[in-house]
């Protein structure tokens, strides 16, 4: 499963928090209520981590929202330890971990906002490798009669419009030539790809 940068940062934050639990346990004898508070925070953080790996967009958004709340609480404890809890008079890696998870959440929501504003394209092939893969999948679907030949041609035309802007070097042309040999694209379409690379219209 492909992981996003925000998911990776969130996992790193959780690992830091886990290390923090062991370090805190060695450095400080916390009263029972302090342990219960940290256990609850940790349970919530784990729940949020599970949610962000869900396939449902709503669950993912909820997971990151929980991380923001936990991160704000953690940052507040770091900045104002005496005002939050009497026992919290030292630097804690648990809170650092939660703060890192909040950064992951902010990154997630930033990308969401940029996508909403149209600065980030969603769900479209943007690299040559992506386009090649998409075209091969379309061809397989045509062979299996999932789509008609006409539908394949229509999808191929749309995909090639993206591809023409992303052919970067001669090595990539070798990959496109294979598509000609496999009858995924025509010689004319391949010639157009070369024309784009060499600046010929």
C-alpha atoms as a PDB file:
ATOM      1  CA  UNK A   1       0.000   0.000   0.000  1.00  0.00           C
ATOM      2  CA  UNK A   2       1.394   3.364  -1.026  1.00  0.00           C
ATOM      3  CA  UNK A   3       1.846   5.694   1.936  1.00  0.00           C
ATOM      4  CA  UNK A   4       1.585   9.461   1.758  1.00  0.00           C
ATOM      5  CA  UNK A   5       4.118  11.818   3.352  1.00  0.00           C
ATOM      6  CA  UNK A   6       1.590  12.818   6.021  1.00  0.00           C
ATOM      7  CA  UNK A   7       1.061   9.149   6.973  1.00  0.00           C
ATOM      8  CA  UNK A   8       4.810   8.580   7.238  1.00  0.00           C
ATOM      9  CA  UNK A   9       5.244  11.667   9.452  1.00  0.00           C
ATOM     10  CA  UNK A  10       2.333  10.514  11.643  1.00  0.00           C
ATOM     11  CA  UNK A  11       3.962   7.092  12.131  1.00  0.00           C
ATOM     12  CA  UNK A  12       7.274   8.771  13.016  1.00  0.00           C
ATOM     13  CA  UNK A  13       5.416  10.897  15.567  1.00  0.00           C
ATOM     14  CA  UNK A  14       3.870   7.786  17.123  1.00  0.00           C
ATOM     15  CA  UNK A  15       7.291   6.110  17.353  1.00  0.00           C
ATOM     16  CA  UNK A  16       8.668   9.189  19.131  1.00  0.00           C
ATOM     17  CA  UNK A  17       5.705   9.060  21.543  1.00  0.00           C
ATOM     18  CA  UNK A  18       6.354   5.357  22.260  1.00  0.00           C
ATOM     19  CA  UNK A  19      10.003   6.128  23.039  1.00  0.00           C
ATOM     20  CA  UNK A  20       8.758   8.963  25.259  1.00  0.00           C
ATOM     21  CA  UNK A  21       6.619   6.587  27.344  1.00  0.00           C
ATOM     22  CA  UNK A  22       9.659   4.502  28.268  1.00  0.00           C
ATOM     23  CA  UNK A  23      11.857   7.537  28.927  1.00  0.00           C
ATOM     24  CA  UNK A  24       9.211   9.189  31.107  1.00  0.00           C
ATOM     25  CA  UNK A  25       8.676   5.999  33.085  1.00  0.00           C
ATOM     26  CA  UNK A  26      12.392   5.850  33.876  1.00  0.00           C
ATOM     27  CA  UNK A  27      12.771   9.538  34.780  1.00  0.00           C
ATOM     28  CA  UNK A  28       9.660  10.203  36.804  1.00  0.00           C
ATOM     29  CA  UNK A  29       7.352   8.379  39.152  1.00  0.00           C
ATOM     30  CA  UNK A  30       4.007   9.680  38.026  1.00  0.00           C
ATOM     31  CA  UNK A  31       0.943   9.532  40.253  1.00  0.00           C
ATOM     32  CA  UNK A  32      -1.894   7.253  39.182  1.00  0.00           C
ATOM     33  CA  UNK A  33      -4.022  10.015  37.655  1.00  0.00           C
ATOM     34  CA  UNK A  34      -1.077  11.143  35.522  1.00  0.00           C
ATOM     35  CA  UNK A  35      -0.672   7.646  34.136  1.00  0.00           C
ATOM     36  CA  UNK A  36      -4.373   7.461  33.325  1.00  0.00           C
ATOM     37  CA  UNK A  37      -4.218  10.781  31.458  1.00  0.00           C
ATOM     38  CA  UNK A  38      -1.219   9.656  29.420  1.00  0.00           C
ATOM     39  CA  UNK A  39      -2.809   6.248  28.747  1.00  0.00           C
ATOM     40  CA  UNK A  40      -5.938   7.969  27.455  1.00  0.00           C
ATOM     41  CA  UNK A  41      -3.921  10.342  25.259  1.00  0.00           C
ATOM     42  CA  UNK A  42      -1.909   7.458  23.889  1.00  0.00           C
ATOM     43  CA  UNK A  43      -5.049   5.395  23.175  1.00  0.00           C
ATOM     44  CA  UNK A  44      -6.569   8.348  21.291  1.00  0.00           C
ATOM     45  CA  UNK A  45      -3.330   8.809  19.312  1.00  0.00           C
ATOM     46  CA  UNK A  46      -3.312   5.129  18.319  1.00  0.00           C
ATOM     47  CA  UNK A  47      -6.970   5.359  17.256  1.00  0.00           C
ATOM     48  CA  UNK A  48      -6.193   8.393  15.086  1.00  0.00           C
ATOM     49  CA  UNK A  49      -3.258   6.552  13.497  1.00  0.00           C
ATOM     50  CA  UNK A  50      -5.500   3.602  12.616  1.00  0.00           C
ATOM     51  CA  UNK A  51      -8.104   5.938  11.109  1.00  0.00           C
ATOM     52  CA  UNK A  52      -5.684   7.673   8.720  1.00  0.00           C
ATOM     53  CA  UNK A  53      -4.942   4.330   7.056  1.00  0.00           C
ATOM     54  CA  UNK A  54      -8.621   3.705   6.406  1.00  0.00           C
ATOM     55  CA  UNK A  55      -9.922   3.517   2.834  1.00  0.00           C
ATOM     56  CA  UNK A  56     -12.806   5.824   3.741  1.00  0.00           C
ATOM     57  CA  UNK A  57     -12.063   9.521   3.280  1.00  0.00           C
ATOM     58  CA  UNK A  58     -14.269  10.526   6.221  1.00  0.00           C
ATOM     59  CA  UNK A  59     -12.388   8.240   8.610  1.00  0.00           C
ATOM     60  CA  UNK A  60      -9.037   9.570   7.367  1.00  0.00           C
ATOM     61  CA  UNK A  61     -10.133  13.177   7.909  1.00  0.00           C
ATOM     62  CA  UNK A  62     -11.384  12.313  11.401  1.00  0.00           C
ATOM     63  CA  UNK A  63      -8.072  10.652  12.247  1.00  0.00           C
ATOM     64  CA  UNK A  64      -6.101  13.727  11.231  1.00  0.00           C
ATOM     65  CA  UNK A  65      -8.529  15.982  13.109  1.00  0.00           C
ATOM     66  CA  UNK A  66      -7.892  13.995  16.297  1.00  0.00           C
ATOM     67  CA  UNK A  67      -4.152  14.411  15.698  1.00  0.00           C
ATOM     68  CA  UNK A  68      -4.561  18.184  15.501  1.00  0.00           C
ATOM     69  CA  UNK A  69      -6.418  18.256  18.836  1.00  0.00           C
ATOM     70  CA  UNK A  70      -3.888  15.940  20.518  1.00  0.00           C
ATOM     71  CA  UNK A  71      -1.021  17.942  19.054  1.00  0.00           C
ATOM     72  CA  UNK A  72      -2.383  21.285  20.297  1.00  0.00           C
ATOM     73  CA  UNK A  73      -2.774  19.809  23.796  1.00  0.00           C
ATOM     74  CA  UNK A  74       0.770  18.428  23.639  1.00  0.00           C
ATOM     75  CA  UNK A  75       2.272  21.724  22.484  1.00  0.00           C
ATOM     76  CA  UNK A  76       0.401  23.522  25.289  1.00  0.00           C
ATOM     77  CA  UNK A  77       1.879  21.115  27.845  1.00  0.00           C
ATOM     78  CA  UNK A  78       5.364  21.683  26.405  1.00  0.00           C
ATOM     79  CA  UNK A  79       5.036  25.474  26.508  1.00  0.00           C
ATOM     80  CA  UNK A  80       3.201  25.753  29.855  1.00  0.00           C
ATOM     81  CA  UNK A  81       4.039  22.635  31.906  1.00  0.00           C
ATOM     82  CA  UNK A  82       3.433  24.192  35.343  1.00  0.00           C
ATOM     83  CA  UNK A  83      -0.005  25.482  34.401  1.00  0.00           C
ATOM     84  CA  UNK A  84      -1.188  22.170  32.962  1.00  0.00           C
ATOM     85  CA  UNK A  85      -0.170  19.525  35.522  1.00  0.00           C
ATOM     86  CA  UNK A  86       1.987  19.738  38.593  1.00  0.00           C
ATOM     87  CA  UNK A  87       3.842  16.553  37.680  1.00  0.00           C
ATOM     88  CA  UNK A  88       4.687  17.812  34.196  1.00  0.00           C
ATOM     89  CA  UNK A  89       7.838  19.776  34.955  1.00  0.00           C
ATOM     90  CA  UNK A  90      10.174  18.166  32.465  1.00  0.00           C
ATOM     91  CA  UNK A  91      10.587  17.746  28.732  1.00  0.00           C
ATOM     92  CA  UNK A  92       8.538  14.818  27.429  1.00  0.00           C
ATOM     93  CA  UNK A  93       9.054  12.992  24.163  1.00  0.00           C
ATOM     94  CA  UNK A  94       5.432  11.813  24.338  1.00  0.00           C
ATOM     95  CA  UNK A  95       4.276  15.357  23.689  1.00  0.00           C
ATOM     96  CA  UNK A  96       6.931  15.824  21.017  1.00  0.00           C
ATOM     97  CA  UNK A  97       5.556  12.742  19.270  1.00  0.00           C
ATOM     98  CA  UNK A  98       1.996  14.075  19.462  1.00  0.00           C
ATOM     99  CA  UNK A  99       3.190  17.432  18.131  1.00  0.00           C
ATOM    100  CA  UNK A 100       4.845  15.697  15.157  1.00  0.00           C
ATOM    101  CA  UNK A 101       1.569  13.879  14.481  1.00  0.00           C
ATOM    102  CA  UNK A 102      -0.175  17.268  14.460  1.00  0.00           C
ATOM    103  CA  UNK A 103       2.329  18.454  11.833  1.00  0.00           C
ATOM    104  CA  UNK A 104       1.349  15.427   9.719  1.00  0.00           C
ATOM    105  CA  UNK A 105      -2.304  16.422  10.079  1.00  0.00           C
ATOM    106  CA  UNK A 106      -1.585  20.021   9.070  1.00  0.00           C
ATOM    107  CA  UNK A 107       0.266  18.754   5.992  1.00  0.00           C
ATOM    108  CA  UNK A 108      -2.731  16.577   5.082  1.00  0.00           C
ATOM    109  CA  UNK A 109      -5.188  19.452   5.425  1.00  0.00           C
ATOM    110  CA  UNK A 110      -2.852  21.816   3.536  1.00  0.00           C
ATOM    111  CA  UNK A 111      -2.802  19.441   0.552  1.00  0.00           C
ATOM    112  CA  UNK A 112      -6.597  19.123   0.801  1.00  0.00           C
ATOM    113  CA  UNK A 113      -6.953  22.897   0.728  1.00  0.00           C
ATOM    114  CA  UNK A 114      -4.555  23.294  -2.212  1.00  0.00           C
ATOM    115  CA  UNK A 115      -6.457  20.583  -4.098  1.00  0.00           C
ATOM    116  CA  UNK A 116      -9.748  22.343  -3.383  1.00  0.00           C
ATOM    117  CA  UNK A 117      -8.306  25.623  -4.681  1.00  0.00           C
ATOM    118  CA  UNK A 118      -7.053  23.885  -7.823  1.00  0.00           C
ATOM    119  CA  UNK A 119      -3.317  24.152  -7.146  1.00  0.00           C
ATOM    120  CA  UNK A 120      -2.915  20.354  -6.853  1.00  0.00           C
ATOM    121  CA  UNK A 121      -4.368  17.999  -9.463  1.00  0.00           C
ATOM    122  CA  UNK A 122      -6.135  14.961  -8.039  1.00  0.00           C
ATOM    123  CA  UNK A 123      -6.493  11.543  -9.565  1.00  0.00           C
ATOM    124  CA  UNK A 124      -4.647  12.247 -12.832  1.00  0.00           C
ATOM    125  CA  UNK A 125      -1.525  10.655 -14.214  1.00  0.00           C
ATOM    126  CA  UNK A 126       1.263  13.217 -14.121  1.00  0.00           C
ATOM    127  CA  UNK A 127       4.401  11.231 -14.916  1.00  0.00           C
ATOM    128  CA  UNK A 128       5.377   9.213 -17.946  1.00  0.00           C
ATOM    129  CA  UNK A 129       5.360   6.012 -15.865  1.00  0.00           C
ATOM    130  CA  UNK A 130       1.813   6.749 -14.700  1.00  0.00           C
ATOM    131  CA  UNK A 131       0.613   7.356 -18.243  1.00  0.00           C
ATOM    132  CA  UNK A 132       2.203   4.162 -19.577  1.00  0.00           C
ATOM    133  CA  UNK A 133       0.589   2.158 -16.793  1.00  0.00           C
ATOM    134  CA  UNK A 134      -2.819   3.736 -17.401  1.00  0.00           C
ATOM    135  CA  UNK A 135      -2.688   3.050 -21.143  1.00  0.00           C
ATOM    136  CA  UNK A 136      -1.780  -0.600 -20.559  1.00  0.00           C
ATOM    137  CA  UNK A 137      -4.695  -0.962 -18.142  1.00  0.00           C
ATOM    138  CA  UNK A 138      -7.084   0.582 -20.661  1.00  0.00           C
ATOM    139  CA  UNK A 139      -5.849  -1.856 -23.328  1.00  0.00           C
ATOM    140  CA  UNK A 140      -6.381  -4.813 -20.992  1.00  0.00           C
ATOM    141  CA  UNK A 141      -9.905  -3.573 -20.278  1.00  0.00           C
ATOM    142  CA  UNK A 142     -10.602  -3.388 -24.005  1.00  0.00           C
ATOM    143  CA  UNK A 143      -9.294  -6.946 -24.555  1.00  0.00           C
ATOM    144  CA  UNK A 144     -11.517  -8.186 -21.732  1.00  0.00           C
ATOM    145  CA  UNK A 145     -14.519  -6.354 -23.278  1.00  0.00           C
ATOM    146  CA  UNK A 146     -14.947  -4.166 -20.212  1.00  0.00           C
ATOM    147  CA  UNK A 147     -14.788  -1.128 -22.486  1.00  0.00           C
ATOM    148  CA  UNK A 148     -15.404  -0.887 -26.221  1.00  0.00           C
ATOM    149  CA  UNK A 149     -12.791  -0.037 -28.843  1.00  0.00           C
ATOM    150  CA  UNK A 150     -14.355   3.413 -29.193  1.00  0.00           C
ATOM    151  CA  UNK A 151     -14.210   4.009 -25.440  1.00  0.00           C
ATOM    152  CA  UNK A 152     -10.584   2.859 -25.424  1.00  0.00           C
ATOM    153  CA  UNK A 153      -9.721   5.349 -28.172  1.00  0.00           C
ATOM    154  CA  UNK A 154     -11.464   8.140 -26.284  1.00  0.00           C
ATOM    155  CA  UNK A 155      -9.646   7.344 -23.039  1.00  0.00           C
ATOM    156  CA  UNK A 156      -6.354   6.974 -24.884  1.00  0.00           C
ATOM    157  CA  UNK A 157      -6.740  10.400 -26.514  1.00  0.00           C
ATOM    158  CA  UNK A 158      -7.339  12.058 -23.137  1.00  0.00           C
ATOM    159  CA  UNK A 159      -4.387  10.226 -21.576  1.00  0.00           C
ATOM    160  CA  UNK A 160      -2.018  11.101 -24.416  1.00  0.00           C
ATOM    161  CA  UNK A 161      -2.760  14.792 -23.936  1.00  0.00           C
ATOM    162  CA  UNK A 162      -1.191  14.462 -20.491  1.00  0.00           C
ATOM    163  CA  UNK A 163       1.634  12.281 -21.825  1.00  0.00           C
ATOM    164  CA  UNK A 164       2.680  14.801 -24.477  1.00  0.00           C
ATOM    165  CA  UNK A 165       3.588  17.256 -21.727  1.00  0.00           C
ATOM    166  CA  UNK A 166       5.637  14.718 -19.772  1.00  0.00           C
ATOM    167  CA  UNK A 167       7.949  13.015 -22.244  1.00  0.00           C
ATOM    168  CA  UNK A 168      11.276  14.138 -20.838  1.00  0.00           C
ATOM    169  CA  UNK A 169      14.051  12.263 -22.651  1.00  0.00           C
ATOM    170  CA  UNK A 170      15.011   9.724 -25.301  1.00  0.00           C
ATOM    171  CA  UNK A 171      15.001   6.837 -22.801  1.00  0.00           C
ATOM    172  CA  UNK A 172      11.275   7.346 -22.304  1.00  0.00           C
ATOM    173  CA  UNK A 173      10.721   6.993 -26.054  1.00  0.00           C
ATOM    174  CA  UNK A 174      11.899   3.373 -25.803  1.00  0.00           C
ATOM    175  CA  UNK A 175       9.005   2.678 -23.421  1.00  0.00           C
ATOM    176  CA  UNK A 176       6.568   4.352 -25.802  1.00  0.00           C
ATOM    177  CA  UNK A 177       7.926   2.325 -28.746  1.00  0.00           C
ATOM    178  CA  UNK A 178       7.009  -0.839 -26.848  1.00  0.00           C
ATOM    179  CA  UNK A 179       3.422   0.395 -26.728  1.00  0.00           C
ATOM    180  CA  UNK A 180       3.505   0.699 -30.508  1.00  0.00           C
ATOM    181  CA  UNK A 181       4.769  -2.898 -30.779  1.00  0.00           C
ATOM    182  CA  UNK A 182       1.976  -4.024 -28.440  1.00  0.00           C
ATOM    183  CA  UNK A 183      -0.549  -2.079 -30.590  1.00  0.00           C
ATOM    184  CA  UNK A 184      -1.592   0.084 -27.629  1.00  0.00           C
ATOM    185  CA  UNK A 185      -0.768   3.268 -29.546  1.00  0.00           C
ATOM    186  CA  UNK A 186      -0.338   3.877 -33.286  1.00  0.00           C
ATOM    187  CA  UNK A 187       2.779   4.902 -35.197  1.00  0.00           C
ATOM    188  CA  UNK A 188       1.198   8.328 -35.729  1.00  0.00           C
ATOM    189  CA  UNK A 189       0.660   8.798 -31.990  1.00  0.00           C
ATOM    190  CA  UNK A 190       4.242   7.711 -31.344  1.00  0.00           C
ATOM    191  CA  UNK A 191       5.452  10.209 -33.946  1.00  0.00           C
ATOM    192  CA  UNK A 192       3.507  12.922 -32.117  1.00  0.00           C
ATOM    193  CA  UNK A 193       5.282  11.994 -28.889  1.00  0.00           C
ATOM    194  CA  UNK A 194       8.664  12.349 -30.638  1.00  0.00           C
ATOM    195  CA  UNK A 195       7.568  15.634 -32.181  1.00  0.00           C
ATOM    196  CA  UNK A 196       6.741  16.975 -28.733  1.00  0.00           C
ATOM    197  CA  UNK A 197      10.147  15.905 -27.395  1.00  0.00           C
ATOM    198  CA  UNK A 198      12.079  17.487 -30.282  1.00  0.00           C
ATOM    199  CA  UNK A 199       9.914  20.597 -30.363  1.00  0.00           C
ATOM    200  CA  UNK A 200       8.283  19.783 -33.686  1.00  0.00           C
ATOM    201  CA  UNK A 201       4.591  20.382 -34.188  1.00  0.00           C
END
